[in-house]
């Protein structure tokens, strides 16, 4: 019986597949961190928390007020700040007679 496999020399601990050499080498695991980078990370974290709180408050506040609708002022009621033009009114019967009397006196 002939074995066509390449013979591999097995050491004491080589009972399974071997890891590549870059995985077997020991490197220091320490990392240097500057205080300024930690402070920047803290500021970024605070900014994210602030934005999240804003979003939560906006959701809890509900929809905003309804859009403002401009009200039409009827032509037969004079504006308080505008000029008084009693004879030019189209429909004076809709006004209170006491109001008409006051308007005529001011003229």
PDB file of N, CA and C in Angstrom:
ATOM      1  N   UNK A   1       0.839  -1.157   0.000  1.00  0.00           N
ATOM      2  CA  UNK A   1       0.000   0.000   0.000  1.00  0.00           C
ATOM      3  C   UNK A   1       0.892   1.229   0.000  1.00  0.00           C
ATOM      4  N   UNK A   2       0.650   2.081  -0.966  1.00  0.00           N
ATOM      5  CA  UNK A   2       1.491   3.248  -1.163  1.00  0.00           C
ATOM      6  C   UNK A   2       0.761   4.480  -0.662  1.00  0.00           C
ATOM      7  N   UNK A   3       1.483   5.330   0.058  1.00  0.00           N
ATOM      8  CA  UNK A   3       0.903   6.557   0.592  1.00  0.00           C
ATOM      9  C   UNK A   3       1.360   7.710  -0.281  1.00  0.00           C
ATOM     10  N   UNK A   4       0.407   8.399  -0.891  1.00  0.00           N
ATOM     11  CA  UNK A   4       0.728   9.492  -1.814  1.00  0.00           C
ATOM     12  C   UNK A   4       0.792  10.841  -1.117  1.00  0.00           C
ATOM     13  N   UNK A   5       0.590  10.876   0.149  1.00  0.00           N
ATOM     14  CA  UNK A   5       0.618  12.143   0.877  1.00  0.00           C
ATOM     15  C   UNK A   5       2.041  12.533   1.193  1.00  0.00           C
ATOM     16  N   UNK A   6       2.252  13.829   1.291  1.00  0.00           N
ATOM     17  CA  UNK A   6       3.548  14.344   1.677  1.00  0.00           C
ATOM     18  C   UNK A   6       3.723  14.125   3.165  1.00  0.00           C
ATOM     19  N   UNK A   7       4.890  13.661   3.526  1.00  0.00           N
ATOM     20  CA  UNK A   7       5.136  13.413   4.934  1.00  0.00           C
ATOM     21  C   UNK A   7       5.420  14.728   5.636  1.00  0.00           C
ATOM     22  N   UNK A   8       4.741  14.955   6.736  1.00  0.00           N
ATOM     23  CA  UNK A   8       4.918  16.158   7.541  1.00  0.00           C
ATOM     24  C   UNK A   8       5.470  15.708   8.869  1.00  0.00           C
ATOM     25  N   UNK A   9       6.495  16.404   9.275  1.00  0.00           N
ATOM     26  CA  UNK A   9       7.105  16.061  10.547  1.00  0.00           C
ATOM     27  C   UNK A   9       6.256  16.654  11.676  1.00  0.00           C
ATOM     28  N   UNK A  10       5.784  15.831  12.530  1.00  0.00           N
ATOM     29  CA  UNK A  10       4.936  16.282  13.618  1.00  0.00           C
ATOM     30  C   UNK A  10       5.768  16.418  14.867  1.00  0.00           C
ATOM     31  N   UNK A  11       5.665  17.580  15.493  1.00  0.00           N
ATOM     32  CA  UNK A  11       6.386  17.804  16.741  1.00  0.00           C
ATOM     33  C   UNK A  11       5.561  17.301  17.909  1.00  0.00           C
ATOM     34  N   UNK A  12       5.961  17.696  19.092  1.00  0.00           N
ATOM     35  CA  UNK A  12       5.248  17.258  20.285  1.00  0.00           C
ATOM     36  C   UNK A  12       3.822  17.816  20.338  1.00  0.00           C
ATOM     37  N   UNK A  13       3.709  19.099  19.973  1.00  0.00           N
ATOM     38  CA  UNK A  13       2.404  19.744  20.108  1.00  0.00           C
ATOM     39  C   UNK A  13       1.653  19.837  18.791  1.00  0.00           C
ATOM     40  N   UNK A  14       2.121  19.328  17.738  1.00  0.00           N
ATOM     41  CA  UNK A  14       1.487  19.446  16.430  1.00  0.00           C
ATOM     42  C   UNK A  14       0.541  18.281  16.190  1.00  0.00           C
ATOM     43  N   UNK A  15      -0.596  18.294  16.865  1.00  0.00           N
ATOM     44  CA  UNK A  15      -1.575  17.246  16.655  1.00  0.00           C
ATOM     45  C   UNK A  15      -2.693  17.705  15.726  1.00  0.00           C
ATOM     46  N   UNK A  16      -2.807  18.994  15.509  1.00  0.00           N
ATOM     47  CA  UNK A  16      -3.824  19.546  14.627  1.00  0.00           C
ATOM     48  C   UNK A  16      -3.190  20.532  13.671  1.00  0.00           C
ATOM     49  N   UNK A  17      -3.996  21.306  12.993  1.00  0.00           N
ATOM     50  CA  UNK A  17      -3.439  22.298  12.060  1.00  0.00           C
ATOM     51  C   UNK A  17      -2.677  23.392  12.803  1.00  0.00           C
ATOM     52  N   UNK A  18      -1.609  23.859  12.204  1.00  0.00           N
ATOM     53  CA  UNK A  18      -0.771  24.903  12.796  1.00  0.00           C
ATOM     54  C   UNK A  18      -1.283  26.275  12.385  1.00  0.00           C
ATOM     55  N   UNK A  19      -1.184  27.241  13.298  1.00  0.00           N
ATOM     56  CA  UNK A  19      -1.529  28.624  12.982  1.00  0.00           C
ATOM     57  C   UNK A  19      -0.404  29.251  12.189  1.00  0.00           C
ATOM     58  N   UNK A  20      -0.715  30.270  11.362  1.00  0.00           N
ATOM     59  CA  UNK A  20       0.355  30.969  10.640  1.00  0.00           C
ATOM     60  C   UNK A  20       1.303  31.662  11.617  1.00  0.00           C
ATOM     61  N   UNK A  21       2.481  31.990  11.127  1.00  0.00           N
ATOM     62  CA  UNK A  21       3.509  32.543  12.010  1.00  0.00           C
ATOM     63  C   UNK A  21       3.118  33.906  12.586  1.00  0.00           C
ATOM     64  N   UNK A  22       2.380  34.738  11.818  1.00  0.00           N
ATOM     65  CA  UNK A  22       2.016  36.058  12.351  1.00  0.00           C
ATOM     66  C   UNK A  22       1.014  35.930  13.503  1.00  0.00           C
ATOM     67  N   UNK A  23       0.303  34.805  13.585  1.00  0.00           N
ATOM     68  CA  UNK A  23      -0.594  34.599  14.714  1.00  0.00           C
ATOM     69  C   UNK A  23       0.147  34.062  15.936  1.00  0.00           C
ATOM     70  N   UNK A  24       1.272  33.423  15.704  1.00  0.00           N
ATOM     71  CA  UNK A  24       1.999  32.822  16.813  1.00  0.00           C
ATOM     72  C   UNK A  24       2.960  33.780  17.489  1.00  0.00           C
ATOM     73  N   UNK A  25       3.307  34.875  16.817  1.00  0.00           N
ATOM     74  CA  UNK A  25       4.267  35.812  17.412  1.00  0.00           C
ATOM     75  C   UNK A  25       3.576  36.649  18.472  1.00  0.00           C
ATOM     76  N   UNK A  26       4.290  36.936  19.527  1.00  0.00           N
ATOM     77  CA  UNK A  26       3.761  37.739  20.632  1.00  0.00           C
ATOM     78  C   UNK A  26       4.094  39.204  20.399  1.00  0.00           C
ATOM     79  N   UNK A  27       3.066  40.043  20.462  1.00  0.00           N
ATOM     80  CA  UNK A  27       3.275  41.486  20.361  1.00  0.00           C
ATOM     81  C   UNK A  27       2.692  42.127  21.608  1.00  0.00           C
ATOM     82  N   UNK A  28       3.222  43.267  22.013  1.00  0.00           N
ATOM     83  CA  UNK A  28       2.636  43.931  23.186  1.00  0.00           C
ATOM     84  C   UNK A  28       1.197  44.375  22.886  1.00  0.00           C
ATOM     85  N   UNK A  29       0.329  44.249  23.858  1.00  0.00           N
ATOM     86  CA  UNK A  29      -1.083  44.562  23.669  1.00  0.00           C
ATOM     87  C   UNK A  29      -1.410  45.949  24.227  1.00  0.00           C
ATOM     88  N   UNK A  30      -0.471  46.649  24.780  1.00  0.00           N
ATOM     89  CA  UNK A  30      -0.748  47.964  25.362  1.00  0.00           C
ATOM     90  C   UNK A  30      -0.981  48.999  24.271  1.00  0.00           C
ATOM     91  N   UNK A  31      -1.867  49.947  24.555  1.00  0.00           N
ATOM     92  CA  UNK A  31      -2.176  51.033  23.635  1.00  0.00           C
ATOM     93  C   UNK A  31      -2.119  52.336  24.413  1.00  0.00           C
ATOM     94  N   UNK A  32      -1.489  53.331  23.840  1.00  0.00           N
ATOM     95  CA  UNK A  32      -1.394  54.638  24.489  1.00  0.00           C
ATOM     96  C   UNK A  32      -2.586  55.484  24.080  1.00  0.00           C
ATOM     97  N   UNK A  33      -3.290  56.050  25.057  1.00  0.00           N
ATOM     98  CA  UNK A  33      -4.444  56.912  24.799  1.00  0.00           C
ATOM     99  C   UNK A  33      -4.162  58.263  25.424  1.00  0.00           C
ATOM    100  N   UNK A  34      -4.357  59.309  24.628  1.00  0.00           N
ATOM    101  CA  UNK A  34      -4.123  60.654  25.140  1.00  0.00           C
ATOM    102  C   UNK A  34      -5.374  61.151  25.851  1.00  0.00           C
ATOM    103  N   UNK A  35      -5.163  62.032  26.817  1.00  0.00           N
ATOM    104  CA  UNK A  35      -6.282  62.605  27.563  1.00  0.00           C
ATOM    105  C   UNK A  35      -7.153  63.453  26.647  1.00  0.00           C
ATOM    106  N   UNK A  36      -6.539  64.149  25.706  1.00  0.00           N
ATOM    107  CA  UNK A  36      -7.321  65.001  24.804  1.00  0.00           C
ATOM    108  C   UNK A  36      -8.275  64.164  23.948  1.00  0.00           C
ATOM    109  N   UNK A  37      -7.844  62.976  23.543  1.00  0.00           N
ATOM    110  CA  UNK A  37      -8.740  62.143  22.748  1.00  0.00           C
ATOM    111  C   UNK A  37      -9.890  61.617  23.604  1.00  0.00           C
ATOM    112  N   UNK A  38      -9.618  61.379  24.885  1.00  0.00           N
ATOM    113  CA  UNK A  38     -10.706  60.972  25.781  1.00  0.00           C
ATOM    114  C   UNK A  38     -11.697  62.108  26.000  1.00  0.00           C
ATOM    115  N   UNK A  39     -11.180  63.343  26.088  1.00  0.00           N
ATOM    116  CA  UNK A  39     -12.062  64.496  26.252  1.00  0.00           C
ATOM    117  C   UNK A  39     -12.915  64.696  25.000  1.00  0.00           C
ATOM    118  N   UNK A  40     -12.324  64.512  23.829  1.00  0.00           N
ATOM    119  CA  UNK A  40     -13.092  64.628  22.592  1.00  0.00           C
ATOM    120  C   UNK A  40     -14.169  63.558  22.520  1.00  0.00           C
ATOM    121  N   UNK A  41     -13.849  62.375  22.964  1.00  0.00           N
ATOM    122  CA  UNK A  41     -14.823  61.296  22.994  1.00  0.00           C
ATOM    123  C   UNK A  41     -15.964  61.617  23.963  1.00  0.00           C
ATOM    124  N   UNK A  42     -15.625  62.224  25.086  1.00  0.00           N
ATOM    125  CA  UNK A  42     -16.645  62.624  26.058  1.00  0.00           C
ATOM    126  C   UNK A  42     -17.568  63.685  25.471  1.00  0.00           C
ATOM    127  N   UNK A  43     -16.992  64.683  24.792  1.00  0.00           N
ATOM    128  CA  UNK A  43     -17.810  65.726  24.164  1.00  0.00           C
ATOM    129  C   UNK A  43     -18.728  65.125  23.095  1.00  0.00           C
ATOM    130  N   UNK A  44     -18.209  64.202  22.335  1.00  0.00           N
ATOM    131  CA  UNK A  44     -19.021  63.556  21.303  1.00  0.00           C
ATOM    132  C   UNK A  44     -20.168  62.767  21.942  1.00  0.00           C
ATOM    133  N   UNK A  45     -19.878  62.098  23.026  1.00  0.00           N
ATOM    134  CA  UNK A  45     -20.907  61.343  23.738  1.00  0.00           C
ATOM    135  C   UNK A  45     -21.979  62.282  24.290  1.00  0.00           C
ATOM    136  N   UNK A  46     -21.562  63.414  24.863  1.00  0.00           N
ATOM    137  CA  UNK A  46     -22.523  64.393  25.384  1.00  0.00           C
ATOM    138  C   UNK A  46     -23.384  64.980  24.270  1.00  0.00           C
ATOM    139  N   UNK A  47     -22.778  65.217  23.108  1.00  0.00           N
ATOM    140  CA  UNK A  47     -23.537  65.742  21.972  1.00  0.00           C
ATOM    141  C   UNK A  47     -24.594  64.735  21.521  1.00  0.00           C
ATOM    142  N   UNK A  48     -24.227  63.484  21.462  1.00  0.00           N
ATOM    143  CA  UNK A  48     -25.174  62.441  21.053  1.00  0.00           C
ATOM    144  C   UNK A  48     -26.318  62.331  22.063  1.00  0.00           C
ATOM    145  N   UNK A  49     -25.994  62.373  23.343  1.00  0.00           N
ATOM    146  CA  UNK A  49     -27.034  62.307  24.375  1.00  0.00           C
ATOM    147  C   UNK A  49     -27.961  63.511  24.276  1.00  0.00           C
ATOM    148  N   UNK A  50     -27.403  64.687  24.047  1.00  0.00           N
ATOM    149  CA  UNK A  50     -28.206  65.902  23.900  1.00  0.00           C
ATOM    150  C   UNK A  50     -29.160  65.794  22.712  1.00  0.00           C
ATOM    151  N   UNK A  51     -28.665  65.311  21.585  1.00  0.00           N
ATOM    152  CA  UNK A  51     -29.516  65.174  20.401  1.00  0.00           C
ATOM    153  C   UNK A  51     -30.602  64.123  20.620  1.00  0.00           C
ATOM    154  N   UNK A  52     -30.271  63.065  21.321  1.00  0.00           N
ATOM    155  CA  UNK A  52     -31.280  62.037  21.613  1.00  0.00           C
ATOM    156  C   UNK A  52     -32.370  62.610  22.524  1.00  0.00           C
ATOM    157  N   UNK A  53     -31.977  63.394  23.527  1.00  0.00           N
ATOM    158  CA  UNK A  53     -32.968  64.004  24.412  1.00  0.00           C
ATOM    159  C   UNK A  53     -33.866  64.977  23.655  1.00  0.00           C
ATOM    160  N   UNK A  54     -33.271  65.744  22.742  1.00  0.00           N
ATOM    161  CA  UNK A  54     -34.071  66.659  21.930  1.00  0.00           C
ATOM    162  C   UNK A  54     -35.098  65.894  21.113  1.00  0.00           C
ATOM    163  N   UNK A  55     -34.671  64.797  20.529  1.00  0.00           N
ATOM    164  CA  UNK A  55     -35.583  63.999  19.717  1.00  0.00           C
ATOM    165  C   UNK A  55     -36.716  63.437  20.564  1.00  0.00           C
ATOM    166  N   UNK A  56     -36.384  62.940  21.743  1.00  0.00           N
ATOM    167  CA  UNK A  56     -37.414  62.396  22.621  1.00  0.00           C
ATOM    168  C   UNK A  56     -38.402  63.490  23.034  1.00  0.00           C
ATOM    169  N   UNK A  57     -37.897  64.669  23.358  1.00  0.00           N
ATOM    170  CA  UNK A  57     -38.784  65.765  23.759  1.00  0.00           C
ATOM    171  C   UNK A  57     -39.680  66.211  22.608  1.00  0.00           C
ATOM    172  N   UNK A  58     -39.150  66.228  21.398  1.00  0.00           N
ATOM    173  CA  UNK A  58     -39.973  66.603  20.252  1.00  0.00           C
ATOM    174  C   UNK A  58     -41.073  65.575  20.006  1.00  0.00           C
ATOM    175  N   UNK A  59     -40.759  64.307  20.191  1.00  0.00           N
ATOM    176  CA  UNK A  59     -41.768  63.267  19.997  1.00  0.00           C
ATOM    177  C   UNK A  59     -42.830  63.361  21.084  1.00  0.00           C
ATOM    178  N   UNK A  60     -42.401  63.584  22.322  1.00  0.00           N
ATOM    179  CA  UNK A  60     -43.361  63.678  23.418  1.00  0.00           C
ATOM    180  C   UNK A  60     -44.229  64.932  23.329  1.00  0.00           C
ATOM    181  N   UNK A  61     -43.707  65.990  22.737  1.00  0.00           N
ATOM    182  CA  UNK A  61     -44.457  67.243  22.634  1.00  0.00           C
ATOM    183  C   UNK A  61     -45.634  67.111  21.677  1.00  0.00           C
ATOM    184  N   UNK A  62     -45.565  66.194  20.770  1.00  0.00           N
ATOM    185  CA  UNK A  62     -46.662  65.993  19.827  1.00  0.00           C
ATOM    186  C   UNK A  62     -46.581  66.966  18.670  1.00  0.00           C
ATOM    187  N   UNK A  63     -47.631  66.971  17.871  1.00  0.00           N
ATOM    188  CA  UNK A  63     -47.616  67.866  16.704  1.00  0.00           C
ATOM    189  C   UNK A  63     -47.671  69.328  17.133  1.00  0.00           C
ATOM    190  N   UNK A  64     -47.149  70.163  16.297  1.00  0.00           N
ATOM    191  CA  UNK A  64     -47.117  71.597  16.583  1.00  0.00           C
ATOM    192  C   UNK A  64     -48.492  72.215  16.425  1.00  0.00           C
ATOM    193  N   UNK A  65     -48.584  73.504  16.683  1.00  0.00           N
ATOM    194  CA  UNK A  65     -49.882  74.171  16.538  1.00  0.00           C
ATOM    195  C   UNK A  65     -50.321  74.184  15.074  1.00  0.00           C
ATOM    196  N   UNK A  66     -51.613  74.321  14.872  1.00  0.00           N
ATOM    197  CA  UNK A  66     -52.140  74.377  13.511  1.00  0.00           C
ATOM    198  C   UNK A  66     -51.608  75.626  12.817  1.00  0.00           C
ATOM    199  N   UNK A  67     -51.445  75.568  11.513  1.00  0.00           N
ATOM    200  CA  UNK A  67     -50.949  76.756  10.799  1.00  0.00           C
ATOM    201  C   UNK A  67     -51.954  77.903  10.908  1.00  0.00           C
ATOM    202  N   UNK A  68     -51.421  79.091  10.958  1.00  0.00           N
ATOM    203  CA  UNK A  68     -52.269  80.272  11.081  1.00  0.00           C
ATOM    204  C   UNK A  68     -53.040  80.508   9.790  1.00  0.00           C
ATOM    205  N   UNK A  69     -54.312  80.818   9.940  1.00  0.00           N
ATOM    206  CA  UNK A  69     -55.159  81.099   8.792  1.00  0.00           C
ATOM    207  C   UNK A  69     -55.547  82.563   8.868  1.00  0.00           C
ATOM    208  N   UNK A  70     -55.348  83.257   7.764  1.00  0.00           N
ATOM    209  CA  UNK A  70     -55.687  84.674   7.750  1.00  0.00           C
ATOM    210  C   UNK A  70     -57.206  84.810   7.652  1.00  0.00           C
ATOM    211  N   UNK A  71     -57.760  85.547   8.598  1.00  0.00           N
ATOM    212  CA  UNK A  71     -59.197  85.739   8.612  1.00  0.00           C
ATOM    213  C   UNK A  71     -59.572  86.918   7.727  1.00  0.00           C
ATOM    214  N   UNK A  72     -60.630  86.729   6.986  1.00  0.00           N
ATOM    215  CA  UNK A  72     -61.102  87.821   6.136  1.00  0.00           C
ATOM    216  C   UNK A  72     -61.949  88.772   6.969  1.00  0.00           C
ATOM    217  N   UNK A  73     -61.701  90.055   6.815  1.00  0.00           N
ATOM    218  CA  UNK A  73     -62.469  91.075   7.525  1.00  0.00           C
ATOM    219  C   UNK A  73     -63.608  91.505   6.611  1.00  0.00           C
ATOM    220  N   UNK A  74     -64.828  91.399   7.090  1.00  0.00           N
ATOM    221  CA  UNK A  74     -65.960  91.826   6.239  1.00  0.00           C
ATOM    222  C   UNK A  74     -65.856  93.305   5.897  1.00  0.00           C
ATOM    223  N   UNK A  75     -66.351  93.640   4.724  1.00  0.00           N
ATOM    224  CA  UNK A  75     -66.250  95.026   4.265  1.00  0.00           C
ATOM    225  C   UNK A  75     -67.200  95.952   5.008  1.00  0.00           C
ATOM    226  N   UNK A  76     -68.257  95.388   5.600  1.00  0.00           N
ATOM    227  CA  UNK A  76     -69.251  96.273   6.225  1.00  0.00           C
ATOM    228  C   UNK A  76     -68.899  96.620   7.671  1.00  0.00           C
ATOM    229  N   UNK A  77     -67.800  96.126   8.212  1.00  0.00           N
ATOM    230  CA  UNK A  77     -67.385  96.486   9.562  1.00  0.00           C
ATOM    231  C   UNK A  77     -66.108  97.304   9.446  1.00  0.00           C
ATOM    232  N   UNK A  78     -66.126  98.548   9.905  1.00  0.00           N
ATOM    233  CA  UNK A  78     -64.923  99.386   9.766  1.00  0.00           C
ATOM    234  C   UNK A  78     -63.804  98.913  10.697  1.00  0.00           C
ATOM    235  N   UNK A  79     -62.608  99.092  10.250  1.00  0.00           N
ATOM    236  CA  UNK A  79     -61.435  98.757  11.065  1.00  0.00           C
ATOM    237  C   UNK A  79     -61.242  99.862  12.098  1.00  0.00           C
ATOM    238  N   UNK A  80     -60.770  99.502  13.277  1.00  0.00           N
ATOM    239  CA  UNK A  80     -60.592 100.472  14.346  1.00  0.00           C
ATOM    240  C   UNK A  80     -59.478 101.444  13.996  1.00  0.00           C
ATOM    241  N   UNK A  81     -58.401 100.930  13.371  1.00  0.00           N
ATOM    242  CA  UNK A  81     -57.266 101.795  13.083  1.00  0.00           C
ATOM    243  C   UNK A  81     -57.415 102.537  11.767  1.00  0.00           C
ATOM    244  N   UNK A  82     -58.300 102.103  10.916  1.00  0.00           N
ATOM    245  CA  UNK A  82     -58.439 102.728   9.603  1.00  0.00           C
ATOM    246  C   UNK A  82     -59.339 103.947   9.659  1.00  0.00           C
ATOM    247  N   UNK A  83     -59.463 104.642   8.547  1.00  0.00           N
ATOM    248  CA  UNK A  83     -60.343 105.817   8.485  1.00  0.00           C
ATOM    249  C   UNK A  83     -61.802 105.380   8.575  1.00  0.00           C
ATOM    250  N   UNK A  84     -62.606 106.212   9.217  1.00  0.00           N
ATOM    251  CA  UNK A  84     -64.017 105.893   9.372  1.00  0.00           C
ATOM    252  C   UNK A  84     -64.768 106.433   8.158  1.00  0.00           C
ATOM    253  N   UNK A  85     -65.397 105.552   7.451  1.00  0.00           N
ATOM    254  CA  UNK A  85     -66.149 105.932   6.255  1.00  0.00           C
ATOM    255  C   UNK A  85     -67.543 105.341   6.352  1.00  0.00           C
ATOM    256  N   UNK A  86     -68.392 105.960   7.133  1.00  0.00           N
ATOM    257  CA  UNK A  86     -69.739 105.433   7.349  1.00  0.00           C
ATOM    258  C   UNK A  86     -70.588 105.510   6.085  1.00  0.00           C
ATOM    259  N   UNK A  87     -70.572 106.609   5.349  1.00  0.00           N
ATOM    260  CA  UNK A  87     -71.428 106.647   4.156  1.00  0.00           C
ATOM    261  C   UNK A  87     -70.990 105.658   3.080  1.00  0.00           C
ATOM    262  N   UNK A  88     -69.717 105.268   3.062  1.00  0.00           N
ATOM    263  CA  UNK A  88     -69.224 104.380   2.017  1.00  0.00           C
ATOM    264  C   UNK A  88     -69.505 102.909   2.315  1.00  0.00           C
ATOM    265  N   UNK A  89     -70.062 102.603   3.498  1.00  0.00           N
ATOM    266  CA  UNK A  89     -70.341 101.206   3.826  1.00  0.00           C
ATOM    267  C   UNK A  89     -71.483 100.699   2.963  1.00  0.00           C
ATOM    268  N   UNK A  90     -71.369  99.447   2.570  1.00  0.00           N
ATOM    269  CA  UNK A  90     -72.356  98.859   1.678  1.00  0.00           C
ATOM    270  C   UNK A  90     -73.611  98.429   2.438  1.00  0.00           C
ATOM    271  N   UNK A  91     -73.439  97.773   3.579  1.00  0.00           N
ATOM    272  CA  UNK A  91     -74.569  97.224   4.306  1.00  0.00           C
ATOM    273  C   UNK A  91     -74.535  97.743   5.735  1.00  0.00           C
ATOM    274  N   UNK A  92     -75.189  98.858   5.974  1.00  0.00           N
ATOM    275  CA  UNK A  92     -75.181  99.447   7.312  1.00  0.00           C
ATOM    276  C   UNK A  92     -76.265  98.861   8.197  1.00  0.00           C
ATOM    277  N   UNK A  93     -77.189  98.090   7.631  1.00  0.00           N
ATOM    278  CA  UNK A  93     -78.254  97.524   8.455  1.00  0.00           C
ATOM    279  C   UNK A  93     -77.735  96.412   9.368  1.00  0.00           C
ATOM    280  N   UNK A  94     -76.573  95.837   9.063  1.00  0.00           N
ATOM    281  CA  UNK A  94     -76.019  94.762   9.884  1.00  0.00           C
ATOM    282  C   UNK A  94     -75.349  95.307  11.133  1.00  0.00           C
ATOM    283  N   UNK A  95     -75.095  96.621  11.192  1.00  0.00           N
ATOM    284  CA  UNK A  95     -74.421  97.209  12.334  1.00  0.00           C
ATOM    285  C   UNK A  95     -75.427  97.628  13.404  1.00  0.00           C
ATOM    286  N   UNK A  96     -74.954  97.681  14.602  1.00  0.00           N
ATOM    287  CA  UNK A  96     -75.765  98.125  15.737  1.00  0.00           C
ATOM    288  C   UNK A  96     -76.056  99.618  15.564  1.00  0.00           C
ATOM    289  N   UNK A  97     -77.293 100.040  15.770  1.00  0.00           N
ATOM    290  CA  UNK A  97     -77.609 101.466  15.613  1.00  0.00           C
ATOM    291  C   UNK A  97     -76.805 102.360  16.555  1.00  0.00           C
ATOM    292  N   UNK A  98     -76.467 101.872  17.743  1.00  0.00           N
ATOM    293  CA  UNK A  98     -75.672 102.681  18.671  1.00  0.00           C
ATOM    294  C   UNK A  98     -74.269 102.884  18.118  1.00  0.00           C
ATOM    295  N   UNK A  99     -73.742 101.845  17.460  1.00  0.00           N
ATOM    296  CA  UNK A  99     -72.405 101.961  16.848  1.00  0.00           C
ATOM    297  C   UNK A  99     -72.434 102.958  15.709  1.00  0.00           C
ATOM    298  N   UNK A 100     -73.495 102.930  14.917  1.00  0.00           N
ATOM    299  CA  UNK A 100     -73.609 103.895  13.816  1.00  0.00           C
ATOM    300  C   UNK A 100     -73.667 105.317  14.341  1.00  0.00           C
ATOM    301  N   UNK A 101     -74.363 105.495  15.443  1.00  0.00           N
ATOM    302  CA  UNK A 101     -74.463 106.837  16.029  1.00  0.00           C
ATOM    303  C   UNK A 101     -73.097 107.327  16.498  1.00  0.00           C
ATOM    304  N   UNK A 102     -72.314 106.443  17.128  1.00  0.00           N
ATOM    305  CA  UNK A 102     -70.970 106.809  17.588  1.00  0.00           C
ATOM    306  C   UNK A 102     -70.081 107.150  16.402  1.00  0.00           C
ATOM    307  N   UNK A 103     -70.192 106.376  15.339  1.00  0.00           N
ATOM    308  CA  UNK A 103     -69.366 106.634  14.153  1.00  0.00           C
ATOM    309  C   UNK A 103     -69.727 107.968  13.498  1.00  0.00           C
ATOM    310  N   UNK A 104     -71.009 108.290  13.476  1.00  0.00           N
ATOM    311  CA  UNK A 104     -71.428 109.557  12.868  1.00  0.00           C
ATOM    312  C   UNK A 104     -70.960 110.742  13.711  1.00  0.00           C
ATOM    313  N   UNK A 105     -70.974 110.585  15.026  1.00  0.00           N
ATOM    314  CA  UNK A 105     -70.542 111.671  15.903  1.00  0.00           C
ATOM    315  C   UNK A 105     -69.046 111.941  15.760  1.00  0.00           C
ATOM    316  N   UNK A 106     -68.269 110.884  15.552  1.00  0.00           N
ATOM    317  CA  UNK A 106     -66.815 111.062  15.427  1.00  0.00           C
ATOM    318  C   UNK A 106     -66.443 111.723  14.112  1.00  0.00           C
ATOM    319  N   UNK A 107     -67.294 111.616  13.153  1.00  0.00           N
ATOM    320  CA  UNK A 107     -67.014 112.213  11.849  1.00  0.00           C
ATOM    321  C   UNK A 107     -67.237 113.680  11.933  1.00  0.00           C
TER     322      UNK A 107
END
